[in-house]
Amino acid sequence: MVAGISARVLTPLLVSYFNKTGRLEEWRPIFFVIAGTSAFSTVFFVIFSSSEVQPWARIPNNRRPTKLELDELKKENEIEIDTMAADMLP
């Protein structure tokens, strides 16, 4: 997530650094930098990623949500739906 936000912040800075007059030739280094960054990210992900489920993502089989927890989740969802509906109104 930090990388995604950083990319959104740094991309305009990168473009303004390389692209002074807006000519087509000035875009080439920008595309090379973005392609290189994308290739590096892909290689990094392939090397260091794992398809194993992490311990923090496992839910114990013996723990079931209580009625109170389910009611709270239901109430939160209703509030979110009402908020989204209100935002959509003109």
PDB file of N, CA and C in Angstrom:
ATOM      1  N   MET A   1       0.814  -1.174   0.000  1.00  0.00           N
ATOM      2  CA  MET A   1       0.000   0.000   0.000  1.00  0.00           C
ATOM      3  C   MET A   1       0.869   1.252   0.000  1.00  0.00           C
ATOM      4  N   VAL A   2       1.921   1.220   0.776  1.00  0.00           N
ATOM      5  CA  VAL A   2       2.831   2.368   0.809  1.00  0.00           C
ATOM      6  C   VAL A   2       3.460   2.571  -0.561  1.00  0.00           C
ATOM      7  N   ALA A   3       3.808   1.464  -1.220  1.00  0.00           N
ATOM      8  CA  ALA A   3       4.416   1.573  -2.547  1.00  0.00           C
ATOM      9  C   ALA A   3       3.440   2.187  -3.541  1.00  0.00           C
ATOM     10  N   GLY A   4       2.176   1.809  -3.451  1.00  0.00           N
ATOM     11  CA  GLY A   4       1.175   2.362  -4.351  1.00  0.00           C
ATOM     12  C   GLY A   4       0.977   3.852  -4.150  1.00  0.00           C
ATOM     13  N   ILE A   5       0.931   4.265  -2.906  1.00  0.00           N
ATOM     14  CA  ILE A   5       0.776   5.687  -2.602  1.00  0.00           C
ATOM     15  C   ILE A   5       2.027   6.454  -3.019  1.00  0.00           C
ATOM     16  N   SER A   6       3.192   5.863  -2.770  1.00  0.00           N
ATOM     17  CA  SER A   6       4.444   6.512  -3.167  1.00  0.00           C
ATOM     18  C   SER A   6       4.498   6.700  -4.672  1.00  0.00           C
ATOM     19  N   ALA A   7       4.041   5.691  -5.408  1.00  0.00           N
ATOM     20  CA  ALA A   7       4.048   5.799  -6.866  1.00  0.00           C
ATOM     21  C   ALA A   7       3.141   6.930  -7.330  1.00  0.00           C
ATOM     22  N   ARG A   8       2.006   7.081  -6.678  1.00  0.00           N
ATOM     23  CA  ARG A   8       1.092   8.159  -7.063  1.00  0.00           C
ATOM     24  C   ARG A   8       1.676   9.535  -6.763  1.00  0.00           C
ATOM     25  N   VAL A   9       2.503   9.624  -5.756  1.00  0.00           N
ATOM     26  CA  VAL A   9       3.128  10.896  -5.409  1.00  0.00           C
ATOM     27  C   VAL A   9       4.336  11.162  -6.302  1.00  0.00           C
ATOM     28  N   LEU A  10       5.131  10.126  -6.554  1.00  0.00           N
ATOM     29  CA  LEU A  10       6.381  10.309  -7.288  1.00  0.00           C
ATOM     30  C   LEU A  10       6.203  10.407  -8.801  1.00  0.00           C
ATOM     31  N   THR A  11       5.145   9.845  -9.354  1.00  0.00           N
ATOM     32  CA  THR A  11       4.959   9.875 -10.804  1.00  0.00           C
ATOM     33  C   THR A  11       4.876  11.300 -11.351  1.00  0.00           C
ATOM     34  N   PRO A  12       4.084  12.192 -10.788  1.00  0.00           N
ATOM     35  CA  PRO A  12       4.079  13.561 -11.315  1.00  0.00           C
ATOM     36  C   PRO A  12       5.438  14.253 -11.190  1.00  0.00           C
ATOM     37  N   LEU A  13       6.173  13.958 -10.112  1.00  0.00           N
ATOM     38  CA  LEU A  13       7.508  14.541  -9.965  1.00  0.00           C
ATOM     39  C   LEU A  13       8.447  14.020 -11.043  1.00  0.00           C
ATOM     40  N   LEU A  14       8.367  12.721 -11.323  1.00  0.00           N
ATOM     41  CA  LEU A  14       9.188  12.114 -12.371  1.00  0.00           C
ATOM     42  C   LEU A  14       8.864  12.724 -13.733  1.00  0.00           C
ATOM     43  N   VAL A  15       7.598  12.854 -14.026  1.00  0.00           N
ATOM     44  CA  VAL A  15       7.190  13.413 -15.321  1.00  0.00           C
ATOM     45  C   VAL A  15       7.653  14.860 -15.445  1.00  0.00           C
ATOM     46  N   SER A  16       7.495  15.650 -14.400  1.00  0.00           N
ATOM     47  CA  SER A  16       7.912  17.052 -14.489  1.00  0.00           C
ATOM     48  C   SER A  16       9.428  17.190 -14.584  1.00  0.00           C
ATOM     49  N   TYR A  17      10.177  16.225 -14.026  1.00  0.00           N
ATOM     50  CA  TYR A  17      11.639  16.270 -14.110  1.00  0.00           C
ATOM     51  C   TYR A  17      12.109  16.004 -15.540  1.00  0.00           C
ATOM     52  N   PHE A  18      11.546  15.001 -16.200  1.00  0.00           N
ATOM     53  CA  PHE A  18      11.992  14.622 -17.541  1.00  0.00           C
ATOM     54  C   PHE A  18      11.290  15.408 -18.642  1.00  0.00           C
ATOM     55  N   ASN A  19      10.054  15.778 -18.431  1.00  0.00           N
ATOM     56  CA  ASN A  19       9.248  16.353 -19.492  1.00  0.00           C
ATOM     57  C   ASN A  19       9.141  17.866 -19.303  1.00  0.00           C
ATOM     58  N   LYS A  20      10.072  18.588 -19.898  1.00  0.00           N
ATOM     59  CA  LYS A  20      10.107  20.050 -19.742  1.00  0.00           C
ATOM     60  C   LYS A  20       9.247  20.771 -20.778  1.00  0.00           C
ATOM     61  N   THR A  21       9.301  20.310 -22.034  1.00  0.00           N
ATOM     62  CA  THR A  21       8.588  21.016 -23.100  1.00  0.00           C
ATOM     63  C   THR A  21       7.396  20.240 -23.634  1.00  0.00           C
ATOM     64  N   GLY A  22       7.239  18.973 -23.252  1.00  0.00           N
ATOM     65  CA  GLY A  22       6.114  18.173 -23.715  1.00  0.00           C
ATOM     66  C   GLY A  22       6.353  17.472 -25.033  1.00  0.00           C
ATOM     67  N   ARG A  23       7.587  17.460 -25.506  1.00  0.00           N
ATOM     68  CA  ARG A  23       7.883  16.805 -26.778  1.00  0.00           C
ATOM     69  C   ARG A  23       7.867  15.294 -26.594  1.00  0.00           C
ATOM     70  N   LEU A  24       7.645  14.586 -27.694  1.00  0.00           N
ATOM     71  CA  LEU A  24       7.536  13.130 -27.675  1.00  0.00           C
ATOM     72  C   LEU A  24       8.821  12.462 -27.184  1.00  0.00           C
ATOM     73  N   GLU A  25       9.978  13.012 -27.537  1.00  0.00           N
ATOM     74  CA  GLU A  25      11.260  12.415 -27.141  1.00  0.00           C
ATOM     75  C   GLU A  25      11.458  12.442 -25.625  1.00  0.00           C
ATOM     76  N   GLU A  26      10.843  13.385 -24.956  1.00  0.00           N
ATOM     77  CA  GLU A  26      11.003  13.492 -23.508  1.00  0.00           C
ATOM     78  C   GLU A  26      10.220  12.415 -22.751  1.00  0.00           C
ATOM     79  N   TRP A  27       9.260  11.797 -23.410  1.00  0.00           N
ATOM     80  CA  TRP A  27       8.468  10.762 -22.754  1.00  0.00           C
ATOM     81  C   TRP A  27       9.196   9.427 -22.693  1.00  0.00           C
ATOM     82  N   ARG A  28      10.151   9.197 -23.581  1.00  0.00           N
ATOM     83  CA  ARG A  28      10.852   7.910 -23.630  1.00  0.00           C
ATOM     84  C   ARG A  28      11.509   7.549 -22.294  1.00  0.00           C
ATOM     85  N   PRO A  29      12.302   8.426 -21.653  1.00  0.00           N
ATOM     86  CA  PRO A  29      12.894   8.047 -20.361  1.00  0.00           C
ATOM     87  C   PRO A  29      11.846   7.776 -19.277  1.00  0.00           C
ATOM     88  N   ILE A  30      10.730   8.474 -19.345  1.00  0.00           N
ATOM     89  CA  ILE A  30       9.672   8.249 -18.360  1.00  0.00           C
ATOM     90  C   ILE A  30       9.138   6.829 -18.491  1.00  0.00           C
ATOM     91  N   PHE A  31       8.863   6.419 -19.727  1.00  0.00           N
ATOM     92  CA  PHE A  31       8.363   5.063 -19.939  1.00  0.00           C
ATOM     93  C   PHE A  31       9.402   4.022 -19.547  1.00  0.00           C
ATOM     94  N   PHE A  32      10.678   4.286 -19.807  1.00  0.00           N
ATOM     95  CA  PHE A  32      11.726   3.339 -19.414  1.00  0.00           C
ATOM     96  C   PHE A  32      11.822   3.214 -17.895  1.00  0.00           C
ATOM     97  N   VAL A  33      11.724   4.318 -17.188  1.00  0.00           N
ATOM     98  CA  VAL A  33      11.785   4.271 -15.721  1.00  0.00           C
ATOM     99  C   VAL A  33      10.582   3.510 -15.167  1.00  0.00           C
ATOM    100  N   ILE A  34       9.406   3.781 -15.693  1.00  0.00           N
ATOM    101  CA  ILE A  34       8.207   3.087 -15.222  1.00  0.00           C
ATOM    102  C   ILE A  34       8.274   1.603 -15.564  1.00  0.00           C
ATOM    103  N   ALA A  35       8.736   1.262 -16.774  1.00  0.00           N
ATOM    104  CA  ALA A  35       8.871  -0.147 -17.154  1.00  0.00           C
ATOM    105  C   ALA A  35       9.908  -0.849 -16.286  1.00  0.00           C
ATOM    106  N   GLY A  36      11.019  -0.181 -16.000  1.00  0.00           N
ATOM    107  CA  GLY A  36      12.048  -0.769 -15.141  1.00  0.00           C
ATOM    108  C   GLY A  36      11.546  -0.990 -13.730  1.00  0.00           C
ATOM    109  N   THR A  37      10.814  -0.027 -13.211  1.00  0.00           N
ATOM    110  CA  THR A  37      10.243  -0.163 -11.872  1.00  0.00           C
ATOM    111  C   THR A  37       9.245  -1.315 -11.826  1.00  0.00           C
ATOM    112  N   SER A  38       8.436  -1.425 -12.852  1.00  0.00           N
ATOM    113  CA  SER A  38       7.459  -2.512 -12.913  1.00  0.00           C
ATOM    114  C   SER A  38       8.151  -3.869 -13.004  1.00  0.00           C
ATOM    115  N   ALA A  39       9.191  -3.961 -13.829  1.00  0.00           N
ATOM    116  CA  ALA A  39       9.935  -5.219 -13.957  1.00  0.00           C
ATOM    117  C   ALA A  39      10.614  -5.581 -12.636  1.00  0.00           C
ATOM    118  N   PHE A  40      11.215  -4.602 -11.974  1.00  0.00           N
ATOM    119  CA  PHE A  40      11.862  -4.857 -10.685  1.00  0.00           C
ATOM    120  C   PHE A  40      10.843  -5.334  -9.655  1.00  0.00           C
ATOM    121  N   SER A  41       9.684  -4.695  -9.614  1.00  0.00           N
ATOM    122  CA  SER A  41       8.643  -5.091  -8.661  1.00  0.00           C
ATOM    123  C   SER A  41       8.173  -6.515  -8.919  1.00  0.00           C
ATOM    124  N   THR A  42       8.047  -6.871 -10.190  1.00  0.00           N
ATOM    125  CA  THR A  42       7.619  -8.220 -10.539  1.00  0.00           C
ATOM    126  C   THR A  42       8.639  -9.249 -10.092  1.00  0.00           C
ATOM    127  N   VAL A  43       9.910  -9.004 -10.383  1.00  0.00           N
ATOM    128  CA  VAL A  43      10.965  -9.938  -9.983  1.00  0.00           C
ATOM    129  C   VAL A  43      11.030 -10.038  -8.461  1.00  0.00           C
ATOM    130  N   PHE A  44      10.941  -8.925  -7.773  1.00  0.00           N
ATOM    131  CA  PHE A  44      10.961  -8.916  -6.306  1.00  0.00           C
ATOM    132  C   PHE A  44       9.806  -9.748  -5.749  1.00  0.00           C
ATOM    133  N   PHE A  45       8.624  -9.573  -6.322  1.00  0.00           N
ATOM    134  CA  PHE A  45       7.456 -10.316  -5.863  1.00  0.00           C
ATOM    135  C   PHE A  45       7.624 -11.808  -6.116  1.00  0.00           C
ATOM    136  N   VAL A  46       8.117 -12.177  -7.289  1.00  0.00           N
ATOM    137  CA  VAL A  46       8.290 -13.598  -7.614  1.00  0.00           C
ATOM    138  C   VAL A  46       9.299 -14.249  -6.676  1.00  0.00           C
ATOM    139  N   ILE A  47      10.360 -13.540  -6.337  1.00  0.00           N
ATOM    140  CA  ILE A  47      11.397 -14.113  -5.475  1.00  0.00           C
ATOM    141  C   ILE A  47      10.918 -14.234  -4.028  1.00  0.00           C
ATOM    142  N   PHE A  48      10.287 -13.208  -3.498  1.00  0.00           N
ATOM    143  CA  PHE A  48       9.988 -13.160  -2.071  1.00  0.00           C
ATOM    144  C   PHE A  48       8.549 -13.509  -1.692  1.00  0.00           C
ATOM    145  N   SER A  49       7.678 -13.747  -2.653  1.00  0.00           N
ATOM    146  CA  SER A  49       6.290 -14.039  -2.302  1.00  0.00           C
ATOM    147  C   SER A  49       6.107 -15.508  -1.948  1.00  0.00           C
ATOM    148  N   SER A  50       4.995 -15.779  -1.326  1.00  0.00           N
ATOM    149  CA  SER A  50       4.676 -17.143  -0.916  1.00  0.00           C
ATOM    150  C   SER A  50       3.177 -17.351  -1.068  1.00  0.00           C
ATOM    151  N   SER A  51       2.789 -18.560  -1.418  1.00  0.00           N
ATOM    152  CA  SER A  51       1.362 -18.851  -1.545  1.00  0.00           C
ATOM    153  C   SER A  51       0.814 -19.546  -0.304  1.00  0.00           C
ATOM    154  N   GLU A  52       1.640 -19.656   0.723  1.00  0.00           N
ATOM    155  CA  GLU A  52       1.190 -20.290   1.962  1.00  0.00           C
ATOM    156  C   GLU A  52       0.316 -19.318   2.755  1.00  0.00           C
ATOM    157  N   VAL A  53      -0.729 -19.862   3.347  1.00  0.00           N
ATOM    158  CA  VAL A  53      -1.589 -19.042   4.191  1.00  0.00           C
ATOM    159  C   VAL A  53      -0.816 -18.688   5.454  1.00  0.00           C
ATOM    160  N   GLN A  54      -0.786 -17.415   5.765  1.00  0.00           N
ATOM    161  CA  GLN A  54      -0.043 -16.942   6.925  1.00  0.00           C
ATOM    162  C   GLN A  54      -0.832 -17.212   8.210  1.00  0.00           C
ATOM    163  N   PRO A  55      -0.119 -17.384   9.329  1.00  0.00           N
ATOM    164  CA  PRO A  55      -0.810 -17.683  10.594  1.00  0.00           C
ATOM    165  C   PRO A  55      -1.835 -16.622  10.995  1.00  0.00           C
ATOM    166  N   TRP A  56      -1.559 -15.366  10.701  1.00  0.00           N
ATOM    167  CA  TRP A  56      -2.480 -14.309  11.092  1.00  0.00           C
ATOM    168  C   TRP A  56      -3.767 -14.328  10.269  1.00  0.00           C
ATOM    169  N   ALA A  57      -3.773 -15.064   9.152  1.00  0.00           N
ATOM    170  CA  ALA A  57      -4.956 -15.116   8.298  1.00  0.00           C
ATOM    171  C   ALA A  57      -5.861 -16.301   8.621  1.00  0.00           C
ATOM    172  N   ARG A  58      -5.419 -17.161   9.498  1.00  0.00           N
ATOM    173  CA  ARG A  58      -6.202 -18.348   9.846  1.00  0.00           C
ATOM    174  C   ARG A  58      -7.194 -18.022  10.960  1.00  0.00           C
ATOM    175  N   ILE A  59      -8.384 -18.562  10.803  1.00  0.00           N
ATOM    176  CA  ILE A  59      -9.405 -18.432  11.839  1.00  0.00           C
ATOM    177  C   ILE A  59      -9.497 -19.781  12.538  1.00  0.00           C
ATOM    178  N   PRO A  60      -9.376 -19.803  13.841  1.00  0.00           N
ATOM    179  CA  PRO A  60      -9.474 -21.081  14.546  1.00  0.00           C
ATOM    180  C   PRO A  60     -10.828 -21.741  14.300  1.00  0.00           C
ATOM    181  N   ASN A  61     -10.815 -23.041  14.077  1.00  0.00           N
ATOM    182  CA  ASN A  61     -12.056 -23.770  13.798  1.00  0.00           C
ATOM    183  C   ASN A  61     -12.996 -23.789  14.996  1.00  0.00           C
ATOM    184  N   ASN A  62     -12.440 -23.738  16.196  1.00  0.00           N
ATOM    185  CA  ASN A  62     -13.279 -23.844  17.378  1.00  0.00           C
ATOM    186  C   ASN A  62     -13.902 -22.512  17.794  1.00  0.00           C
ATOM    187  N   ARG A  63     -13.544 -21.430  17.141  1.00  0.00           N
ATOM    188  CA  ARG A  63     -14.098 -20.130  17.521  1.00  0.00           C
ATOM    189  C   ARG A  63     -15.172 -19.713  16.527  1.00  0.00           C
ATOM    190  N   ARG A  64     -16.366 -19.611  17.018  1.00  0.00           N
ATOM    191  CA  ARG A  64     -17.471 -19.136  16.197  1.00  0.00           C
ATOM    192  C   ARG A  64     -17.883 -17.760  16.721  1.00  0.00           C
ATOM    193  N   PRO A  65     -18.300 -16.874  15.842  1.00  0.00           N
ATOM    194  CA  PRO A  65     -18.697 -15.546  16.313  1.00  0.00           C
ATOM    195  C   PRO A  65     -19.937 -15.629  17.210  1.00  0.00           C
ATOM    196  N   THR A  66     -19.947 -14.785  18.217  1.00  0.00           N
ATOM    197  CA  THR A  66     -21.096 -14.748  19.123  1.00  0.00           C
ATOM    198  C   THR A  66     -22.230 -13.965  18.480  1.00  0.00           C
ATOM    199  N   LYS A  67     -23.417 -14.099  19.043  1.00  0.00           N
ATOM    200  CA  LYS A  67     -24.569 -13.372  18.513  1.00  0.00           C
ATOM    201  C   LYS A  67     -24.341 -11.870  18.615  1.00  0.00           C
ATOM    202  N   LEU A  68     -23.712 -11.429  19.692  1.00  0.00           N
ATOM    203  CA  LEU A  68     -23.428 -10.007  19.862  1.00  0.00           C
ATOM    204  C   LEU A  68     -22.503  -9.502  18.757  1.00  0.00           C
ATOM    205  N   GLU A  69     -21.460 -10.269  18.442  1.00  0.00           N
ATOM    206  CA  GLU A  69     -20.537  -9.870  17.370  1.00  0.00           C
ATOM    207  C   GLU A  69     -21.255  -9.817  16.027  1.00  0.00           C
ATOM    208  N   LEU A  70     -22.109 -10.800  15.761  1.00  0.00           N
ATOM    209  CA  LEU A  70     -22.854 -10.808  14.501  1.00  0.00           C
ATOM    210  C   LEU A  70     -23.815  -9.625  14.420  1.00  0.00           C
ATOM    211  N   ASP A  71     -24.468  -9.305  15.538  1.00  0.00           N
ATOM    212  CA  ASP A  71     -25.375  -8.152  15.552  1.00  0.00           C
ATOM    213  C   ASP A  71     -24.620  -6.847  15.313  1.00  0.00           C
ATOM    214  N   GLU A  72     -23.433  -6.717  15.909  1.00  0.00           N
ATOM    215  CA  GLU A  72     -22.623  -5.511  15.702  1.00  0.00           C
ATOM    216  C   GLU A  72     -22.197  -5.384  14.245  1.00  0.00           C
ATOM    217  N   LEU A  73     -21.776  -6.496  13.638  1.00  0.00           N
ATOM    218  CA  LEU A  73     -21.390  -6.462  12.228  1.00  0.00           C
ATOM    219  C   LEU A  73     -22.573  -6.094  11.347  1.00  0.00           C
ATOM    220  N   LYS A  74     -23.737  -6.649  11.655  1.00  0.00           N
ATOM    221  CA  LYS A  74     -24.932  -6.338  10.876  1.00  0.00           C
ATOM    222  C   LYS A  74     -25.252  -4.849  10.974  1.00  0.00           C
ATOM    223  N   LYS A  75     -25.150  -4.294  12.176  1.00  0.00           N
ATOM    224  CA  LYS A  75     -25.431  -2.872  12.392  1.00  0.00           C
ATOM    225  C   LYS A  75     -24.426  -2.001  11.625  1.00  0.00           C
ATOM    226  N   GLU A  76     -23.135  -2.387  11.662  1.00  0.00           N
ATOM    227  CA  GLU A  76     -22.109  -1.635  10.928  1.00  0.00           C
ATOM    228  C   GLU A  76     -22.386  -1.659   9.435  1.00  0.00           C
ATOM    229  N   ASN A  77     -22.773  -2.816   8.902  1.00  0.00           N
ATOM    230  CA  ASN A  77     -23.071  -2.923   7.476  1.00  0.00           C
ATOM    231  C   ASN A  77     -24.265  -2.063   7.097  1.00  0.00           C
ATOM    232  N   GLU A  78     -25.292  -2.045   7.946  1.00  0.00           N
ATOM    233  CA  GLU A  78     -26.458  -1.214   7.661  1.00  0.00           C
ATOM    234  C   GLU A  78     -26.078   0.263   7.641  1.00  0.00           C
ATOM    235  N   ILE A  79     -25.231   0.678   8.567  1.00  0.00           N
ATOM    236  CA  ILE A  79     -24.783   2.073   8.607  1.00  0.00           C
ATOM    237  C   ILE A  79     -23.999   2.407   7.344  1.00  0.00           C
ATOM    238  N   GLU A  80     -23.105   1.492   6.916  1.00  0.00           N
ATOM    239  CA  GLU A  80     -22.321   1.738   5.702  1.00  0.00           C
ATOM    240  C   GLU A  80     -23.222   1.839   4.489  1.00  0.00           C
ATOM    241  N   ILE A  81     -24.204   0.950   4.385  1.00  0.00           N
ATOM    242  CA  ILE A  81     -25.113   0.977   3.239  1.00  0.00           C
ATOM    243  C   ILE A  81     -25.908   2.278   3.236  1.00  0.00           C
ATOM    244  N   ASP A  82     -26.406   2.697   4.405  1.00  0.00           N
ATOM    245  CA  ASP A  82     -27.148   3.956   4.492  1.00  0.00           C
ATOM    246  C   ASP A  82     -26.270   5.143   4.111  1.00  0.00           C
ATOM    247  N   THR A  83     -25.014   5.129   4.548  1.00  0.00           N
ATOM    248  CA  THR A  83     -24.087   6.214   4.234  1.00  0.00           C
ATOM    249  C   THR A  83     -23.807   6.268   2.742  1.00  0.00           C
ATOM    250  N   MET A  84     -23.576   5.094   2.138  1.00  0.00           N
ATOM    251  CA  MET A  84     -23.302   5.064   0.695  1.00  0.00           C
ATOM    252  C   MET A  84     -24.520   5.521  -0.088  1.00  0.00           C
ATOM    253  N   ALA A  85     -25.714   5.124   0.339  1.00  0.00           N
ATOM    254  CA  ALA A  85     -26.931   5.536  -0.352  1.00  0.00           C
ATOM    255  C   ALA A  85     -27.113   7.048  -0.247  1.00  0.00           C
ATOM    256  N   ALA A  86     -26.823   7.607   0.914  1.00  0.00           N
ATOM    257  CA  ALA A  86     -26.952   9.057   1.095  1.00  0.00           C
ATOM    258  C   ALA A  86     -25.942   9.810   0.238  1.00  0.00           C
ATOM    259  N   ASP A  87     -24.749   9.247   0.065  1.00  0.00           N
ATOM    260  CA  ASP A  87     -23.733   9.895  -0.766  1.00  0.00           C
ATOM    261  C   ASP A  87     -24.117   9.889  -2.235  1.00  0.00           C
ATOM    262  N   MET A  88     -24.922   8.923  -2.654  1.00  0.00           N
ATOM    263  CA  MET A  88     -25.292   8.807  -4.064  1.00  0.00           C
ATOM    264  C   MET A  88     -26.427   9.750  -4.442  1.00  0.00           C
ATOM    265  N   LEU A  89     -27.163  10.224  -3.447  1.00  0.00           N
ATOM    266  CA  LEU A  89     -28.273  11.129  -3.734  1.00  0.00           C
ATOM    267  C   LEU A  89     -27.750  12.484  -4.198  1.00  0.00           C
ATOM    268  N   PRO A  90     -28.498  13.115  -5.121  1.00  0.00           N
ATOM    269  CA  PRO A  90     -28.042  14.436  -5.609  1.00  0.00           C
ATOM    270  C   PRO A  90     -28.184  15.526  -4.597  1.00  0.00           C
TER     271      PRO A  90
END
